[in-house]
N, C-alpha and C. Protein backbone atom coordinates (compact mmCIF):
# COMPACT_ATOMS: atom_id res chain seq x y z
N MET A 1 -18.45 43.34 8.68
CA MET A 1 -17.61 43.36 9.94
C MET A 1 -16.26 42.77 9.63
N LYS A 2 -14.78 43.29 10.28
CA LYS A 2 -13.79 42.76 9.70
C LYS A 2 -13.80 41.63 11.19
N LEU A 3 -13.03 40.72 10.22
CA LEU A 3 -12.54 39.64 11.47
C LEU A 3 -11.80 39.84 12.87
N ARG A 4 -11.03 40.68 12.94
CA ARG A 4 -10.17 41.32 14.24
C ARG A 4 -11.28 42.07 15.12
N THR A 5 -12.42 42.44 14.43
CA THR A 5 -13.59 42.85 15.41
C THR A 5 -13.84 41.87 15.94
N LEU A 6 -14.58 40.36 15.04
CA LEU A 6 -14.86 39.76 15.43
C LEU A 6 -14.54 38.58 16.54
N LEU A 7 -13.52 38.65 16.23
CA LEU A 7 -12.44 37.89 17.34
C LEU A 7 -12.45 38.75 18.37
N ALA A 8 -12.11 40.46 18.65
CA ALA A 8 -12.43 40.85 19.58
C ALA A 8 -13.64 41.11 20.43
N LEU A 9 -14.76 40.71 19.98
CA LEU A 9 -16.25 40.38 20.55
C LEU A 9 -15.77 39.04 21.61
N ALA A 10 -15.21 38.36 21.11
CA ALA A 10 -15.12 37.07 22.18
C ALA A 10 -13.99 36.64 23.20
N LEU A 11 -12.92 37.61 22.83
CA LEU A 11 -11.65 38.11 23.78
C LEU A 11 -11.40 39.11 25.12
N VAL A 12 -11.97 38.58 26.55
CA VAL A 12 -11.94 39.38 27.22
C VAL A 12 -10.12 40.33 27.22
N THR A 13 -10.10 41.36 27.40
CA THR A 13 -8.92 41.77 27.75
C THR A 13 -8.00 41.26 28.55
N PRO A 14 -6.81 40.14 28.02
CA PRO A 14 -6.34 39.20 29.03
C PRO A 14 -5.85 40.11 30.15
N ALA A 15 -6.01 39.37 31.58
CA ALA A 15 -5.95 40.23 32.54
C ALA A 15 -4.97 38.94 33.54
N VAL A 16 -4.46 38.99 34.67
CA VAL A 16 -4.28 38.10 35.57
C VAL A 16 -4.46 37.31 36.28
N ALA A 17 -3.94 35.99 36.91
CA ALA A 17 -4.38 35.03 37.59
C ALA A 17 -3.91 34.94 38.61
N GLY A 18 -4.79 33.77 39.55
CA GLY A 18 -4.30 33.44 40.60
C GLY A 18 -4.51 31.82 40.61
N THR A 19 -3.80 31.46 41.57
CA THR A 19 -3.49 29.44 41.91
C THR A 19 -4.58 28.98 42.04
N LEU A 20 -5.43 27.96 41.38
CA LEU A 20 -6.63 27.60 41.82
C LEU A 20 -6.38 26.28 41.74
N THR A 21 -7.71 25.32 42.49
CA THR A 21 -6.80 23.66 42.47
C THR A 21 -7.53 23.45 41.40
N ALA A 22 -7.13 22.02 40.67
CA ALA A 22 -7.25 21.73 39.10
C ALA A 22 -7.04 23.15 38.31
N GLN A 23 -5.70 23.09 38.06
CA GLN A 23 -5.13 23.90 37.16
C GLN A 23 -4.96 23.37 36.15
N THR A 24 -4.65 24.22 34.95
CA THR A 24 -4.35 23.61 34.09
C THR A 24 -2.94 23.56 34.00
N ALA A 25 -2.53 22.11 33.10
CA ALA A 25 -0.89 22.39 33.18
C ALA A 25 -0.21 23.20 32.33
N ASP A 26 -0.73 23.44 31.37
CA ASP A 26 -0.01 23.94 30.28
C ASP A 26 -0.70 25.05 29.55
N GLY A 27 -0.37 25.50 28.49
CA GLY A 27 -1.09 26.82 27.93
C GLY A 27 -0.10 28.02 28.41
N PRO A 28 -0.45 29.62 28.14
CA PRO A 28 0.30 30.57 28.51
C PRO A 28 0.18 30.60 29.75
N CYS A 29 -0.55 30.44 30.82
CA CYS A 29 -0.69 30.61 32.17
C CYS A 29 -0.53 29.35 32.97
N PRO A 30 0.32 28.44 32.84
CA PRO A 30 0.16 26.84 33.78
C PRO A 30 0.45 27.29 34.95
N GLY A 31 -0.64 26.60 35.46
CA GLY A 31 -0.61 26.55 37.22
C GLY A 31 -1.84 27.59 37.70
N PHE A 32 -2.59 28.11 36.47
CA PHE A 32 -3.36 29.39 37.39
C PHE A 32 -4.74 29.01 37.15
N TYR A 33 -5.01 28.75 36.27
CA TYR A 33 -6.51 28.52 35.96
C TYR A 33 -7.04 27.30 35.58
N PRO A 34 -8.52 27.05 36.24
CA PRO A 34 -9.02 25.53 36.46
C PRO A 34 -8.87 25.04 34.72
N ASN A 35 -9.19 23.46 34.94
CA ASN A 35 -9.30 23.09 33.74
C ASN A 35 -10.44 23.16 33.14
N PRO A 36 -10.63 23.57 31.78
CA PRO A 36 -12.15 23.56 31.42
C PRO A 36 -12.57 22.08 31.61
N GLN A 37 -14.02 22.40 32.16
CA GLN A 37 -15.02 21.00 32.35
C GLN A 37 -16.18 21.23 30.78
N VAL A 38 -16.44 20.56 30.02
CA VAL A 38 -18.32 20.68 29.78
C VAL A 38 -18.98 21.01 30.21
N GLY A 39 -19.52 22.09 30.29
CA GLY A 39 -20.95 22.44 30.61
C GLY A 39 -20.82 23.74 31.47
N HIS A 40 -19.71 23.89 32.16
CA HIS A 40 -19.50 24.86 32.89
C HIS A 40 -19.54 26.32 32.23
N TYR A 41 -20.22 27.26 33.11
CA TYR A 41 -20.32 28.47 32.44
C TYR A 41 -19.98 29.71 33.54
N ALA A 42 -20.08 31.24 32.87
CA ALA A 42 -19.77 31.65 33.70
C ALA A 42 -20.28 33.15 33.25
N GLU A 43 -21.64 34.03 33.83
CA GLU A 43 -22.28 34.88 33.32
C GLU A 43 -21.04 36.41 34.11
N VAL A 44 -20.69 37.45 33.43
CA VAL A 44 -20.21 38.60 33.93
C VAL A 44 -20.57 39.96 33.17
N GLN A 45 -20.69 40.89 34.06
CA GLN A 45 -21.12 42.19 33.99
C GLN A 45 -20.01 42.83 33.24
N PHE A 46 -20.22 43.20 32.49
CA PHE A 46 -18.77 44.40 31.98
C PHE A 46 -19.59 45.93 32.17
N THR A 47 -18.80 46.52 32.89
CA THR A 47 -19.25 48.15 33.24
C THR A 47 -18.00 48.75 32.13
N ASN A 48 -18.28 50.05 31.19
CA ASN A 48 -16.91 50.94 30.72
C ASN A 48 -17.19 52.40 31.93
N ALA A 49 -16.38 52.87 31.62
CA ALA A 49 -16.18 54.06 32.20
C ALA A 49 -17.61 55.24 32.24
N ALA A 50 -18.16 55.18 31.23
CA ALA A 50 -19.38 56.08 31.09
C ALA A 50 -20.57 55.32 31.89
N GLY A 51 -20.45 54.26 32.50
CA GLY A 51 -21.66 53.25 33.16
C GLY A 51 -22.55 52.32 32.11
N GLU A 52 -21.59 52.24 30.75
CA GLU A 52 -22.79 51.11 30.16
C GLU A 52 -22.48 49.67 30.31
N GLY A 53 -23.55 49.17 30.14
CA GLY A 53 -22.98 47.60 30.64
C GLY A 53 -23.63 46.83 29.59
N MET A 54 -22.52 45.69 29.74
CA MET A 54 -22.63 44.88 28.67
C MET A 54 -22.72 43.26 29.32
N LEU A 55 -23.72 42.59 29.23
CA LEU A 55 -23.45 41.13 29.67
C LEU A 55 -22.76 40.23 28.90
N ILE A 56 -21.90 39.14 29.61
CA ILE A 56 -21.37 38.22 28.69
C ILE A 56 -21.17 36.96 29.15
N ARG A 57 -21.93 35.80 28.66
CA ARG A 57 -21.47 34.89 28.97
C ARG A 57 -20.51 33.77 28.50
N PHE A 58 -19.45 33.18 29.05
CA PHE A 58 -18.55 32.18 28.80
C PHE A 58 -19.37 30.71 29.09
N ALA A 59 -19.35 29.88 28.02
CA ALA A 59 -19.57 28.58 28.66
C ALA A 59 -18.25 27.65 27.80
N VAL A 60 -18.35 26.49 28.32
CA VAL A 60 -17.60 25.19 27.33
C VAL A 60 -18.79 24.29 27.33
N VAL A 61 -18.77 24.60 25.78
CA VAL A 61 -20.22 23.68 25.37
C VAL A 61 -19.70 22.46 24.52
N GLY A 62 -18.74 21.80 24.91
CA GLY A 62 -17.98 20.06 23.79
C GLY A 62 -16.96 20.32 23.93
N SER A 63 -16.35 19.16 23.47
CA SER A 63 -15.02 18.81 23.54
C SER A 63 -14.86 17.71 22.10
N GLU A 64 -13.45 18.04 21.32
CA GLU A 64 -13.22 16.85 20.51
C GLU A 64 -11.78 17.05 20.56
N ALA A 65 -11.26 15.52 19.85
CA ALA A 65 -9.95 15.59 19.72
C ALA A 65 -9.42 16.21 18.47
N VAL A 66 -7.99 16.82 18.76
CA VAL A 66 -7.44 17.34 17.31
C VAL A 66 -6.10 16.97 18.03
N ASP A 67 -5.31 16.17 16.65
CA ASP A 67 -4.49 15.54 16.55
C ASP A 67 -3.89 14.72 18.17
N GLY A 68 -5.03 14.35 18.11
CA GLY A 68 -4.75 13.13 19.58
C GLY A 68 -5.31 13.67 20.89
N ARG A 69 -5.18 14.93 21.14
CA ARG A 69 -5.39 15.91 22.36
C ARG A 69 -6.83 16.77 22.58
N THR A 70 -7.37 16.33 23.45
CA THR A 70 -8.71 16.62 23.52
C THR A 70 -8.65 18.17 23.67
N HIS A 71 -9.62 19.05 23.04
CA HIS A 71 -9.78 20.45 22.97
C HIS A 71 -11.29 20.78 23.16
N TYR A 72 -11.89 22.18 23.71
CA TYR A 72 -12.92 22.23 24.36
C TYR A 72 -13.01 23.27 23.30
N TRP A 73 -14.30 23.31 23.19
CA TRP A 73 -15.51 24.37 22.99
C TRP A 73 -16.25 25.28 23.64
N ILE A 74 -15.40 26.80 23.04
CA ILE A 74 -15.52 27.58 24.42
C ILE A 74 -16.47 28.40 23.66
N GLU A 75 -17.71 28.90 23.92
CA GLU A 75 -18.76 29.49 23.86
C GLU A 75 -18.86 30.83 24.50
N VAL A 76 -18.56 32.20 24.04
CA VAL A 76 -18.89 33.69 24.34
C VAL A 76 -20.31 34.23 23.73
N VAL A 77 -21.38 34.85 24.52
CA VAL A 77 -22.44 35.47 24.10
C VAL A 77 -22.16 36.90 24.56
N SER A 78 -22.55 37.74 23.77
CA SER A 78 -22.44 39.04 24.37
C SER A 78 -23.17 39.99 23.30
N GLU A 79 -24.13 41.19 23.75
CA GLU A 79 -24.71 41.86 22.68
C GLU A 79 -23.94 43.43 22.90
N PRO A 80 -22.86 43.46 21.87
CA PRO A 80 -22.12 44.53 21.89
C PRO A 80 -23.05 45.57 21.61
N PRO A 81 -22.78 46.88 22.14
CA PRO A 81 -23.78 48.24 21.87
C PRO A 81 -23.89 48.65 20.65
N ASP A 82 -23.02 48.20 19.92
CA ASP A 82 -22.79 48.50 18.25
C ASP A 82 -23.75 47.82 17.26
N ILE A 83 -23.96 46.79 17.80
CA ILE A 83 -24.95 45.67 17.29
C ILE A 83 -26.60 45.63 17.78
N GLY A 84 -26.53 45.82 19.13
CA GLY A 84 -28.00 45.57 19.84
C GLY A 84 -28.58 44.61 19.92
N GLU A 85 -27.95 43.50 19.76
CA GLU A 85 -28.62 41.98 19.66
C GLU A 85 -27.26 40.84 20.00
N ASN A 86 -27.82 39.88 19.95
CA ASN A 86 -26.59 38.86 20.49
C ASN A 86 -25.57 38.24 19.46
N VAL A 87 -24.40 38.23 19.82
CA VAL A 87 -23.49 37.75 19.25
C VAL A 87 -23.42 36.29 19.69
N ILE A 88 -22.87 35.47 19.18
CA ILE A 88 -22.49 34.43 19.43
C ILE A 88 -21.34 33.85 19.02
N VAL A 89 -20.21 33.67 19.85
CA VAL A 89 -18.98 32.96 19.30
C VAL A 89 -18.19 31.81 19.55
N GLN A 90 -17.89 30.72 19.02
CA GLN A 90 -17.79 29.54 19.92
C GLN A 90 -16.12 29.63 18.85
N MET A 91 -15.31 28.87 20.12
CA MET A 91 -13.74 28.46 19.73
C MET A 91 -13.62 27.43 20.17
N LEU A 92 -12.59 26.75 19.28
CA LEU A 92 -12.08 25.25 19.66
C LEU A 92 -10.65 25.42 20.15
N VAL A 93 -10.07 25.23 20.88
CA VAL A 93 -8.89 25.84 21.72
C VAL A 93 -8.49 24.36 22.75
N PRO A 94 -7.15 24.18 22.93
CA PRO A 94 -6.58 23.20 24.09
C PRO A 94 -7.01 23.49 25.11
N PHE A 95 -7.11 24.87 25.76
CA PHE A 95 -6.82 25.30 27.28
C PHE A 95 -7.50 26.50 27.31
N TYR A 96 -7.64 26.81 28.49
CA TYR A 96 -7.72 28.19 28.71
C TYR A 96 -7.08 28.74 29.96
N PRO A 97 -6.62 30.25 29.75
CA PRO A 97 -7.31 31.03 28.46
C PRO A 97 -6.19 30.12 27.38
N PHE A 98 -6.59 31.57 26.48
CA PHE A 98 -5.36 31.12 25.34
C PHE A 98 -5.00 31.78 24.25
N GLU A 99 -3.99 31.87 23.43
CA GLU A 99 -3.63 33.00 22.81
C GLU A 99 -4.11 32.90 21.38
N HIS A 100 -3.97 33.99 20.69
CA HIS A 100 -4.50 33.92 18.99
C HIS A 100 -3.85 32.06 18.60
N GLN A 101 -3.16 32.23 18.63
CA GLN A 101 -2.49 31.02 17.42
C GLN A 101 -2.54 29.98 18.30
N ASP A 102 -3.56 29.58 19.20
CA ASP A 102 -4.12 28.73 19.52
C ASP A 102 -5.53 27.85 19.40
N LEU A 103 -5.90 28.79 18.55
CA LEU A 103 -7.34 28.62 17.67
C LEU A 103 -7.24 27.90 16.93
N LYS A 104 -8.07 26.63 17.25
CA LYS A 104 -8.85 25.31 15.73
C LYS A 104 -9.61 25.57 15.01
N SER A 105 -9.91 26.10 15.56
CA SER A 105 -11.47 26.77 14.98
C SER A 105 -12.55 28.18 15.31
N TYR A 106 -13.08 28.61 14.64
CA TYR A 106 -13.96 29.82 15.01
C TYR A 106 -15.15 29.85 14.27
N ILE A 107 -15.97 29.58 15.13
CA ILE A 107 -17.29 30.10 14.72
C ILE A 107 -17.97 31.52 14.80
N VAL A 108 -18.89 32.31 14.00
CA VAL A 108 -19.51 33.52 14.97
C VAL A 108 -20.95 33.52 13.79
N LYS A 109 -22.06 33.86 15.05
CA LYS A 109 -23.09 33.97 14.44
C LYS A 109 -23.68 35.45 14.44
N LEU A 110 -23.73 36.35 13.93
CA LEU A 110 -24.20 37.74 13.95
C LEU A 110 -25.47 37.79 13.84
N PRO A 111 -26.60 38.30 14.18
CA PRO A 111 -27.90 38.41 14.05
C PRO A 111 -28.31 38.71 13.00
N GLY A 112 -29.18 38.24 12.46
CA GLY A 112 -29.86 37.83 11.05
C GLY A 112 -28.97 37.18 10.07
N ALA A 113 -27.86 36.65 10.16
CA ALA A 113 -26.92 35.82 9.41
C ALA A 113 -27.16 34.12 9.77
N PRO A 114 -26.72 33.66 8.97
CA PRO A 114 -26.25 32.46 9.05
C PRO A 114 -24.76 32.06 9.79
N ALA A 115 -24.97 31.44 10.99
CA ALA A 115 -23.70 30.56 11.52
C ALA A 115 -22.60 30.81 10.75
N ARG A 116 -21.50 30.84 10.63
CA ARG A 116 -20.56 31.23 9.64
C ARG A 116 -19.27 30.82 10.14
N GLN A 117 -18.08 29.72 9.85
CA GLN A 117 -17.06 29.39 10.11
C GLN A 117 -15.86 30.01 9.43
N VAL A 118 -14.93 30.29 10.54
CA VAL A 118 -13.58 31.60 9.65
C VAL A 118 -12.67 30.39 8.90
N PRO A 119 -12.32 30.46 7.67
CA PRO A 119 -11.25 29.66 7.17
C PRO A 119 -9.76 30.05 7.96
N GLN A 120 -9.14 28.80 8.18
CA GLN A 120 -7.40 28.89 8.75
C GLN A 120 -6.91 30.06 8.42
N ASP A 121 -6.94 30.90 6.97
CA ASP A 121 -5.97 31.52 6.71
C ASP A 121 -6.27 32.79 7.20
N LEU A 122 -7.71 33.43 7.25
CA LEU A 122 -7.97 34.18 7.90
C LEU A 122 -7.49 34.17 9.63
N LEU A 123 -7.95 33.23 10.00
CA LEU A 123 -7.37 32.90 11.32
C LEU A 123 -6.02 32.99 11.74
N ASP A 124 -4.89 32.60 11.06
CA ASP A 124 -3.55 32.62 10.65
C ASP A 124 -3.22 34.45 10.40
N GLN A 125 -3.84 34.86 9.33
CA GLN A 125 -3.74 36.31 9.18
C GLN A 125 -4.03 37.15 10.44
N ASN A 126 -4.87 37.21 11.14
CA ASN A 126 -5.06 37.59 12.63
C ASN A 126 -4.32 37.59 14.22
N SER A 127 -3.62 36.21 13.62
CA SER A 127 -2.75 35.68 14.65
C SER A 127 -1.42 36.22 14.47
N ALA A 128 -0.94 36.63 13.26
CA ALA A 128 0.11 37.59 13.33
C ALA A 128 -0.36 38.96 13.36
N GLN A 129 -1.49 39.37 13.27
CA GLN A 129 -1.50 41.15 13.32
C GLN A 129 -1.11 41.26 14.81
N VAL A 130 -1.77 39.95 15.98
CA VAL A 130 -1.77 40.58 17.18
C VAL A 130 -0.42 39.92 17.78
N ALA A 131 0.35 39.24 16.91
CA ALA A 131 1.41 38.38 17.96
C ALA A 131 2.32 39.39 18.46
N THR A 132 2.79 40.52 18.24
CA THR A 132 3.04 41.78 19.20
C THR A 132 2.44 42.47 20.01
N GLY A 133 1.25 42.27 20.39
CA GLY A 133 0.52 42.65 21.31
C GLY A 133 1.10 41.86 22.74
N SER A 134 0.29 42.54 23.86
CA SER A 134 0.11 41.93 25.04
C SER A 134 -0.52 40.61 24.90
N SER A 135 0.20 39.26 25.43
CA SER A 135 -0.29 38.09 25.60
C SER A 135 -0.75 37.98 27.05
N TRP A 136 -1.27 36.81 27.13
CA TRP A 136 -1.83 36.12 28.79
C TRP A 136 -0.03 35.60 29.18
N GLN A 137 0.52 34.98 28.72
CA GLN A 137 1.55 34.87 28.75
C GLN A 137 2.42 35.66 29.94
N LYS A 138 2.72 36.96 29.07
CA LYS A 138 3.40 38.05 29.74
C LYS A 138 3.00 38.47 31.04
N LEU A 139 1.37 38.79 30.53
CA LEU A 139 0.96 39.47 31.72
C LEU A 139 0.81 38.42 32.87
N CYS A 140 0.54 37.10 32.78
CA CYS A 140 0.71 36.09 33.76
C CYS A 140 1.99 36.51 34.50
N GLY A 141 2.92 36.20 33.95
CA GLY A 141 4.43 36.11 34.40
C GLY A 141 4.93 37.22 35.12
N SER A 142 4.21 38.61 35.08
CA SER A 142 4.87 39.89 35.60
C SER A 142 3.70 40.18 36.93
N ALA A 143 2.55 39.10 37.16
CA ALA A 143 1.18 40.01 38.08
C ALA A 143 1.65 39.45 39.53
N GLU A 144 1.56 40.56 40.11
CA GLU A 144 2.10 40.63 41.40
C GLU A 144 0.95 39.90 41.99
N GLU A 145 1.07 39.17 43.17
CA GLU A 145 0.16 38.58 44.23
C GLU A 145 -0.13 39.33 45.40
N LEU A 146 -0.99 39.87 45.72
CA LEU A 146 -1.36 40.63 46.86
C LEU A 146 -2.31 39.96 47.87
N GLY A 147 -2.23 38.56 47.63
CA GLY A 147 -3.08 37.95 48.74
C GLY A 147 -4.82 37.28 48.55
N VAL A 148 -5.28 36.39 49.34
CA VAL A 148 -6.16 35.88 49.76
C VAL A 148 -7.26 36.95 50.05
N GLU A 149 -8.21 37.39 49.96
CA GLU A 149 -9.28 38.14 49.88
C GLU A 149 -10.55 37.85 50.12
N GLN A 150 -11.85 38.53 50.49
CA GLN A 150 -13.41 37.49 50.68
C GLN A 150 -13.59 38.93 49.81
N VAL A 151 -14.17 38.78 48.74
CA VAL A 151 -14.82 39.82 48.22
C VAL A 151 -16.05 39.18 47.52
N THR A 152 -17.31 40.37 47.23
CA THR A 152 -18.29 40.10 47.24
C THR A 152 -18.95 40.85 45.67
N VAL A 153 -19.83 40.44 44.67
CA VAL A 153 -20.04 40.43 43.67
C VAL A 153 -21.79 40.08 43.40
N PRO A 154 -22.19 40.47 42.73
CA PRO A 154 -23.65 39.73 42.43
C PRO A 154 -23.84 38.20 42.45
N ALA A 155 -22.63 37.62 41.87
CA ALA A 155 -23.11 36.22 42.39
C ALA A 155 -22.82 35.33 43.78
N GLY A 156 -22.11 36.35 44.41
CA GLY A 156 -21.99 35.78 45.95
C GLY A 156 -20.78 36.35 46.48
N THR A 157 -20.33 35.84 47.39
CA THR A 157 -19.31 36.02 48.56
C THR A 157 -18.28 35.23 47.99
N PHE A 158 -16.75 35.22 47.92
CA PHE A 158 -16.14 34.44 47.90
C PHE A 158 -14.53 34.43 48.20
N ASN A 159 -13.28 33.81 48.72
CA ASN A 159 -12.57 34.02 49.06
C ASN A 159 -11.73 33.75 47.57
N ALA A 160 -11.19 34.72 47.30
CA ALA A 160 -10.39 35.23 45.80
C ALA A 160 -8.91 35.82 46.18
N ARG A 161 -8.01 34.87 44.92
CA ARG A 161 -6.71 35.90 45.65
C ARG A 161 -6.62 36.91 44.22
N HIS A 162 -6.17 37.85 44.84
CA HIS A 162 -6.35 39.23 44.72
C HIS A 162 -4.92 39.34 43.81
N TYR A 163 -4.87 39.76 42.61
CA TYR A 163 -3.47 40.20 41.97
C TYR A 163 -3.85 41.48 41.39
N ARG A 164 -2.50 41.95 40.72
CA ARG A 164 -2.29 43.27 39.98
C ARG A 164 -1.45 42.86 39.03
N ALA A 165 -1.76 43.63 38.13
CA ALA A 165 -0.98 43.46 36.76
C ALA A 165 0.22 44.26 37.09
N GLY A 166 1.51 43.60 36.31
CA GLY A 166 3.19 44.33 36.42
C GLY A 166 3.22 45.23 35.47
N GLY A 167 3.98 45.76 35.46
CA GLY A 167 4.11 46.96 34.45
C GLY A 167 3.56 48.11 34.54
N ASP A 168 3.19 48.72 33.73
CA ASP A 168 2.54 50.61 33.90
C ASP A 168 1.12 50.13 34.26
N LYS A 169 0.58 48.89 34.05
CA LYS A 169 -1.00 48.23 33.86
C LYS A 169 -1.44 48.52 35.14
N THR A 170 -2.39 48.84 35.79
CA THR A 170 -3.36 49.10 37.12
C THR A 170 -4.50 48.19 37.19
N ASP A 171 -4.44 46.96 36.48
CA ASP A 171 -5.30 46.18 36.11
C ASP A 171 -5.25 45.50 37.23
N GLU A 172 -6.22 45.16 37.92
CA GLU A 172 -6.49 43.98 39.14
C GLU A 172 -7.72 43.26 39.18
N VAL A 173 -7.45 42.04 39.54
CA VAL A 173 -8.35 40.98 39.43
C VAL A 173 -8.22 39.90 40.58
N TRP A 174 -9.29 39.80 41.10
CA TRP A 174 -9.86 38.64 41.74
C TRP A 174 -10.22 37.20 41.07
N ILE A 175 -9.78 36.17 41.71
CA ILE A 175 -9.64 34.69 40.99
C ILE A 175 -10.27 33.84 42.16
N ALA A 176 -11.24 33.06 41.53
CA ALA A 176 -11.87 31.99 42.63
C ALA A 176 -11.99 30.94 41.88
N ASP A 177 -12.31 29.74 43.02
CA ASP A 177 -12.94 28.23 42.43
C ASP A 177 -14.04 28.50 41.63
N VAL A 178 -14.45 28.92 40.69
CA VAL A 178 -15.37 29.03 39.34
C VAL A 178 -15.20 28.78 38.31
N PRO A 179 -16.00 28.62 37.39
CA PRO A 179 -15.69 28.20 35.86
C PRO A 179 -15.25 29.35 35.23
N PHE A 180 -14.21 29.58 34.74
CA PHE A 180 -13.31 30.59 34.12
C PHE A 180 -12.47 31.04 35.13
N GLY A 181 -12.72 30.81 36.63
CA GLY A 181 -12.01 31.75 37.59
C GLY A 181 -12.31 33.34 37.93
N LEU A 182 -13.11 33.68 36.95
CA LEU A 182 -13.00 35.55 37.51
C LEU A 182 -13.98 35.94 38.12
N VAL A 183 -13.92 36.19 39.04
CA VAL A 183 -14.95 36.99 39.94
C VAL A 183 -14.81 38.41 39.61
N LYS A 184 -13.58 38.92 39.23
CA LYS A 184 -13.76 40.79 39.60
C LYS A 184 -12.59 41.40 38.69
N LEU A 185 -12.54 42.32 37.90
CA LEU A 185 -12.37 42.58 37.31
C LEU A 185 -11.89 44.21 37.04
N LEU A 186 -10.70 44.69 37.87
CA LEU A 186 -11.11 46.15 37.59
C LEU A 186 -9.44 46.44 36.42
N GLN A 187 -10.04 47.69 35.68
CA GLN A 187 -9.34 48.28 34.79
C GLN A 187 -9.43 49.60 35.38
N ALA A 188 -8.58 50.53 34.38
CA ALA A 188 -8.89 51.78 34.23
C ALA A 188 -9.91 52.79 33.82
N ASP A 189 -10.24 52.20 32.97
CA ASP A 189 -11.69 52.44 32.41
C ASP A 189 -12.60 51.64 32.18
N SER A 190 -12.83 50.45 32.75
CA SER A 190 -13.73 49.40 32.90
C SER A 190 -13.71 48.89 34.00
N LYS A 191 -15.06 47.79 34.18
CA LYS A 191 -14.80 46.50 35.56
C LYS A 191 -15.55 45.74 34.88
N MET A 192 -15.17 44.22 35.66
CA MET A 192 -16.20 43.46 35.29
C MET A 192 -16.15 42.79 36.49
N GLU A 193 -17.69 41.97 36.79
CA GLU A 193 -18.04 41.29 38.01
C GLU A 193 -19.02 39.94 37.51
N LEU A 194 -18.77 38.80 38.43
CA LEU A 194 -19.12 37.96 37.95
C LEU A 194 -21.03 37.60 38.32
N ILE A 195 -21.57 37.48 37.92
CA ILE A 195 -23.02 37.52 38.20
C ILE A 195 -23.94 36.42 38.25
N LYS A 196 -23.76 34.94 37.88
CA LYS A 196 -23.95 33.69 37.93
C LYS A 196 -22.73 32.82 37.35
N HIS A 197 -23.12 31.66 37.79
CA HIS A 197 -22.09 30.40 37.27
C HIS A 197 -23.02 28.88 37.78
N GLY A 198 -22.63 28.09 36.53
CA GLY A 198 -23.22 26.99 36.54
C GLY A 198 -22.32 26.16 35.86
N THR A 199 -23.14 24.68 35.94
CA THR A 199 -22.32 22.94 35.21
C THR A 199 -23.45 22.97 34.44
N ASP A 200 -23.99 23.45 33.50
CA ASP A 200 -25.17 22.84 32.51
C ASP A 200 -25.85 23.51 31.61
N ALA A 201 -24.28 24.30 30.69
CA ALA A 201 -24.60 25.02 29.46
C ALA A 201 -24.53 24.29 28.64
N GLU A 202 -25.13 24.49 27.69
CA GLU A 202 -25.47 23.70 26.05
C GLU A 202 -25.17 24.86 25.21
N SER A 203 -24.70 24.23 23.95
CA SER A 203 -24.35 25.82 22.90
C SER A 203 -25.90 26.33 22.54
N SER A 204 -25.58 27.68 22.21
CA SER A 204 -26.74 28.53 21.91
C SER A 204 -26.79 28.13 20.10
N LEU A 205 -25.85 27.30 19.94
CA LEU A 205 -26.33 27.42 18.49
C LEU A 205 -27.22 26.15 17.91
N THR A 206 -28.16 26.50 16.88
CA THR A 206 -29.13 25.22 16.84
C THR A 206 -28.95 25.25 15.33
N GLU A 207 -27.97 25.65 14.57
CA GLU A 207 -27.91 25.32 12.89
C GLU A 207 -26.22 24.96 12.71
N LYS A 208 -26.01 24.48 11.53
CA LYS A 208 -24.62 23.88 11.40
C LYS A 208 -23.96 25.28 10.95
N PRO A 209 -22.54 25.27 11.02
CA PRO A 209 -22.33 26.53 10.48
C PRO A 209 -21.91 26.49 8.95
N VAL A 210 -21.91 27.65 8.02
CA VAL A 210 -21.70 27.20 6.48
C VAL A 210 -20.27 28.29 6.69
N GLY A 211 -19.68 27.79 5.50
CA GLY A 211 -18.28 28.36 4.96
C GLY A 211 -18.16 29.67 5.07
N LEU A 212 -16.91 30.45 5.50
CA LEU A 212 -17.00 32.17 5.57
C LEU A 212 -16.19 32.40 4.06
N GLU A 213 -15.98 32.54 3.38
CA GLU A 213 -14.80 32.66 2.21
C GLU A 213 -13.46 33.83 2.46
N SER A 214 -12.61 32.89 1.91
CA SER A 214 -11.33 33.34 2.87
C SER A 214 -10.57 34.33 2.09
N GLN A 215 -9.47 35.23 3.05
CA GLN A 215 -9.05 36.34 2.15
C GLN A 215 -8.50 36.05 1.18
N SER A 216 -7.94 34.94 1.07
CA SER A 216 -6.92 34.78 -0.47
C SER A 216 -7.72 34.08 -1.75
N ARG A 217 -9.24 34.21 -1.01
CA ARG A 217 -10.04 33.82 -2.49
C ARG A 217 -10.89 35.08 -3.15
N ARG A 218 -10.77 36.01 -2.69
CA ARG A 218 -11.28 36.92 -2.62
C ARG A 218 -10.73 37.80 -3.74
């Protein structure tokens, strides 16, 4: 499986955000999302236009210092239909949300294979490939605020800020004070809803990652 596909498994399509308490002070959307807290998790149900669903679990499973600054291990666990079993991805980043160039480390575990750490040169190549696409900064900056609304999803009823993406996009998102912020997201061909959230997440990896051969050494 190509690195670009592995990265895509971990990154939800950038949406728009609302103002929250305990907001991040920097990153691509300063003042929009809550600061990462170790142990926080959120489970969301993704459904496409054909009605096919996939459960995705986001969690903050650890932290460590990089160049004197606290970075967070963000874990994403999903079961892509073309794989049929859980894929575990862990990313070391300084804030959430983040752009591809913010990644300091990336680990992936595919079914039946050991956990592998992607070398930095491959991360740099992927960042260069996606640099011209949509970014959190662009989308957050162009979002239209529609006010606070009460929205009900499987995880409960929340007072959430409703936003619509700017430009020619029709994406709409509802953001509340929950881990990772997302309560509901509507796109032209898919949707996501919050199923469950909590504060006791732990890493799903039980093994030490091995190195993945870099592109430059092939």
